[in-house]
Amino acid sequence: MTLALRDNDSTDIFYKAVQTLSKSVDHYVEKFTKDANLSYFYFPIIALDCPLFEFKLLESGETELSPIQEVAYLSRNPNSNNLDSTIDVVTKTRLAEYAEVFSNAADSFIKANKKGIEAFVAEIKKPVG
């Protein structure tokens, strides 16, 4: 993980953002998923107003630094309700395109699962007893 320095205080800004976002998602998962009959989807994202780079160590031992526009960050927190979390990190210049791709993927998911979703909704609307 890259150490992002600000004001020479050795604070890792990216790590702080990931931890803050992870804790926020955990809070919302705990707060809003008490109803076992409902499913919730959370898609945390960090938008950067700065360049994003990928660092690779090649088999030859050489290193390579390349600019990228987005990355998926996987975090694991054994103390959370959400053991594994994926956080998308996107640059500001890629954000509009990312939102469109994400929206299309969500629409495709809903269309592909429409019958199952309708059956699920019908089932939870049935009177109890």
Foldseek 3Di string as FASTA:
>chain_A
DDQDDDPNPSHRPVVVVVVVQVVVVLVCCVVPCPPVLDDDDDAAEAEAQDWDWDWDQDPVRDIDIDTDFKDWDWDADPVGPCRIDIYIYGYPVCVVVVVVVVVVVVVVVCVVCVVVVVVSVVVVPDDDD
